[in-house]
């Protein structure tokens, strides 16, 4: 199953909370694969709720991730992390779980 680093969970919580008003609880970050097998791209979007067939995972801190079925399969052995660039922008990154534990 996809693992989240603590910074990624915090970023997801902040993103989803800033996109919601008090009546829209339960939003999350939706991950989906687009394209064909030789040109797959992972897309990330803030979503107010999971779509039909999405796998839903959450953290104790309230970060929620919705994964469409192909994305869930692709991300099964991955870690979702977030890093800040020189301009202060947050960038999500996906690593193999064993790669992340070494670094």
C-alpha atoms as a PDB file:
ATOM      1  CA  UNK A   1       0.000   0.000   0.000  1.00  0.00           C
ATOM      2  CA  UNK A   2       1.101   3.565  -0.684  1.00  0.00           C
ATOM      3  CA  UNK A   3       2.977   5.106   2.230  1.00  0.00           C
ATOM      4  CA  UNK A   4       2.899   8.814   3.062  1.00  0.00           C
ATOM      5  CA  UNK A   5       5.748  10.726   4.609  1.00  0.00           C
ATOM      6  CA  UNK A   6       4.831  13.071   7.446  1.00  0.00           C
ATOM      7  CA  UNK A   7       5.509  16.183   5.299  1.00  0.00           C
ATOM      8  CA  UNK A   8       3.269  14.770   2.543  1.00  0.00           C
ATOM      9  CA  UNK A   9       0.451  14.066   4.998  1.00  0.00           C
ATOM     10  CA  UNK A  10       0.738  17.598   6.386  1.00  0.00           C
ATOM     11  CA  UNK A  11       0.712  19.100   2.885  1.00  0.00           C
ATOM     12  CA  UNK A  12      -2.343  17.047   1.881  1.00  0.00           C
ATOM     13  CA  UNK A  13      -4.188  18.125   5.030  1.00  0.00           C
ATOM     14  CA  UNK A  14      -3.327  21.775   4.393  1.00  0.00           C
ATOM     15  CA  UNK A  15      -4.351  21.574   0.722  1.00  0.00           C
ATOM     16  CA  UNK A  16      -7.659  19.869   1.351  1.00  0.00           C
ATOM     17  CA  UNK A  17      -8.572  22.065   4.318  1.00  0.00           C
ATOM     18  CA  UNK A  18      -7.878  25.242   2.349  1.00  0.00           C
ATOM     19  CA  UNK A  19     -10.126  23.996  -0.473  1.00  0.00           C
ATOM     20  CA  UNK A  20     -13.077  23.132   1.761  1.00  0.00           C
ATOM     21  CA  UNK A  21     -15.662  25.130   3.571  1.00  0.00           C
ATOM     22  CA  UNK A  22     -17.376  23.913   6.702  1.00  0.00           C
ATOM     23  CA  UNK A  23     -20.004  21.999   4.724  1.00  0.00           C
ATOM     24  CA  UNK A  24     -17.498  20.034   2.637  1.00  0.00           C
ATOM     25  CA  UNK A  25     -15.729  17.715   5.040  1.00  0.00           C
ATOM     26  CA  UNK A  26     -13.918  14.605   3.891  1.00  0.00           C
ATOM     27  CA  UNK A  27     -11.998  15.912   0.903  1.00  0.00           C
ATOM     28  CA  UNK A  28      -8.624  14.561  -0.111  1.00  0.00           C
ATOM     29  CA  UNK A  29      -5.912  14.348  -2.723  1.00  0.00           C
ATOM     30  CA  UNK A  30      -6.952  12.183  -5.696  1.00  0.00           C
ATOM     31  CA  UNK A  31      -4.289  10.258  -7.598  1.00  0.00           C
ATOM     32  CA  UNK A  32      -5.056   8.850 -11.024  1.00  0.00           C
ATOM     33  CA  UNK A  33      -3.140   7.428 -13.972  1.00  0.00           C
ATOM     34  CA  UNK A  34      -3.837   8.884 -17.382  1.00  0.00           C
ATOM     35  CA  UNK A  35      -2.629   7.773 -20.791  1.00  0.00           C
ATOM     36  CA  UNK A  36      -1.759   4.406 -22.233  1.00  0.00           C
ATOM     37  CA  UNK A  37       0.692   1.795 -20.926  1.00  0.00           C
ATOM     38  CA  UNK A  38       3.705   3.247 -22.754  1.00  0.00           C
ATOM     39  CA  UNK A  39       2.875   6.851 -21.776  1.00  0.00           C
ATOM     40  CA  UNK A  40       1.338   6.791 -18.297  1.00  0.00           C
ATOM     41  CA  UNK A  41       1.209   9.951 -16.224  1.00  0.00           C
ATOM     42  CA  UNK A  42       0.243  10.270 -12.576  1.00  0.00           C
ATOM     43  CA  UNK A  43      -2.128  13.153 -11.945  1.00  0.00           C
ATOM     44  CA  UNK A  44      -2.873  14.719  -8.564  1.00  0.00           C
ATOM     45  CA  UNK A  45      -5.911  16.846  -7.809  1.00  0.00           C
ATOM     46  CA  UNK A  46      -7.732  18.047  -4.731  1.00  0.00           C
ATOM     47  CA  UNK A  47     -11.134  16.361  -4.620  1.00  0.00           C
ATOM     48  CA  UNK A  48     -14.111  16.852  -2.318  1.00  0.00           C
ATOM     49  CA  UNK A  49     -14.867  13.124  -2.330  1.00  0.00           C
ATOM     50  CA  UNK A  50     -13.616   9.848  -3.825  1.00  0.00           C
ATOM     51  CA  UNK A  51     -14.987   8.713  -7.161  1.00  0.00           C
ATOM     52  CA  UNK A  52     -16.675   5.351  -7.603  1.00  0.00           C
ATOM     53  CA  UNK A  53     -14.082   2.569  -7.403  1.00  0.00           C
ATOM     54  CA  UNK A  54     -11.415   4.693  -5.719  1.00  0.00           C
ATOM     55  CA  UNK A  55      -9.362   3.228  -2.892  1.00  0.00           C
ATOM     56  CA  UNK A  56      -9.383   5.557   0.104  1.00  0.00           C
ATOM     57  CA  UNK A  57      -6.644   5.821   2.682  1.00  0.00           C
ATOM     58  CA  UNK A  58      -6.276   8.226   5.541  1.00  0.00           C
ATOM     59  CA  UNK A  59      -3.879   9.161   8.293  1.00  0.00           C
ATOM     60  CA  UNK A  60      -4.440   9.851  11.957  1.00  0.00           C
ATOM     61  CA  UNK A  61      -3.892  13.546  11.206  1.00  0.00           C
ATOM     62  CA  UNK A  62      -6.818  13.609   8.790  1.00  0.00           C
ATOM     63  CA  UNK A  63      -4.986  13.538   5.456  1.00  0.00           C
ATOM     64  CA  UNK A  64      -7.002  11.547   2.935  1.00  0.00           C
ATOM     65  CA  UNK A  65      -5.841  10.108  -0.384  1.00  0.00           C
ATOM     66  CA  UNK A  66      -8.171   8.762  -3.065  1.00  0.00           C
ATOM     67  CA  UNK A  67      -6.585   6.455  -5.651  1.00  0.00           C
ATOM     68  CA  UNK A  68      -8.260   5.270  -8.818  1.00  0.00           C
ATOM     69  CA  UNK A  69      -7.744   1.539  -9.322  1.00  0.00           C
ATOM     70  CA  UNK A  70      -4.845   1.755 -11.817  1.00  0.00           C
ATOM     71  CA  UNK A  71      -3.070   4.339  -9.675  1.00  0.00           C
ATOM     72  CA  UNK A  72      -3.547   2.232  -6.537  1.00  0.00           C
ATOM     73  CA  UNK A  73      -1.934  -0.743  -8.265  1.00  0.00           C
ATOM     74  CA  UNK A  74       0.958   1.379  -9.565  1.00  0.00           C
ATOM     75  CA  UNK A  75       1.519   3.035  -6.168  1.00  0.00           C
ATOM     76  CA  UNK A  76       1.231  -0.141  -4.097  1.00  0.00           C
ATOM     77  CA  UNK A  77       4.972  -0.255  -3.247  1.00  0.00           C
ATOM     78  CA  UNK A  78       5.630   3.506  -3.366  1.00  0.00           C
ATOM     79  CA  UNK A  79       6.058   6.410  -0.949  1.00  0.00           C
ATOM     80  CA  UNK A  80       4.447   9.810  -1.531  1.00  0.00           C
ATOM     81  CA  UNK A  81       6.661  12.637  -0.311  1.00  0.00           C
ATOM     82  CA  UNK A  82       6.634  16.409  -0.630  1.00  0.00           C
ATOM     83  CA  UNK A  83       9.566  18.764  -0.984  1.00  0.00           C
ATOM     84  CA  UNK A  84       9.808  22.529  -1.087  1.00  0.00           C
ATOM     85  CA  UNK A  85      11.677  24.139  -3.976  1.00  0.00           C
ATOM     86  CA  UNK A  86      13.739  27.343  -3.892  1.00  0.00           C
ATOM     87  CA  UNK A  87      10.641  29.474  -4.508  1.00  0.00           C
ATOM     88  CA  UNK A  88       8.792  27.854  -1.609  1.00  0.00           C
ATOM     89  CA  UNK A  89       6.468  25.818  -3.817  1.00  0.00           C
ATOM     90  CA  UNK A  90       5.556  22.318  -2.688  1.00  0.00           C
ATOM     91  CA  UNK A  91       6.244  19.489  -5.114  1.00  0.00           C
ATOM     92  CA  UNK A  92       4.965  15.965  -4.602  1.00  0.00           C
ATOM     93  CA  UNK A  93       7.330  13.105  -5.456  1.00  0.00           C
ATOM     94  CA  UNK A  94       6.853   9.352  -5.636  1.00  0.00           C
ATOM     95  CA  UNK A  95       9.627   6.960  -4.639  1.00  0.00           C
ATOM     96  CA  UNK A  96       9.986   3.195  -4.364  1.00  0.00           C
ATOM     97  CA  UNK A  97       9.581   2.322  -0.674  1.00  0.00           C
ATOM     98  CA  UNK A  98      13.065   0.807  -0.376  1.00  0.00           C
ATOM     99  CA  UNK A  99      14.626   3.905  -2.001  1.00  0.00           C
ATOM    100  CA  UNK A 100      13.008   6.225   0.534  1.00  0.00           C
ATOM    101  CA  UNK A 101      14.192   4.201   3.538  1.00  0.00           C
ATOM    102  CA  UNK A 102      17.819   4.454   2.355  1.00  0.00           C
ATOM    103  CA  UNK A 103      17.738   8.227   1.913  1.00  0.00           C
END
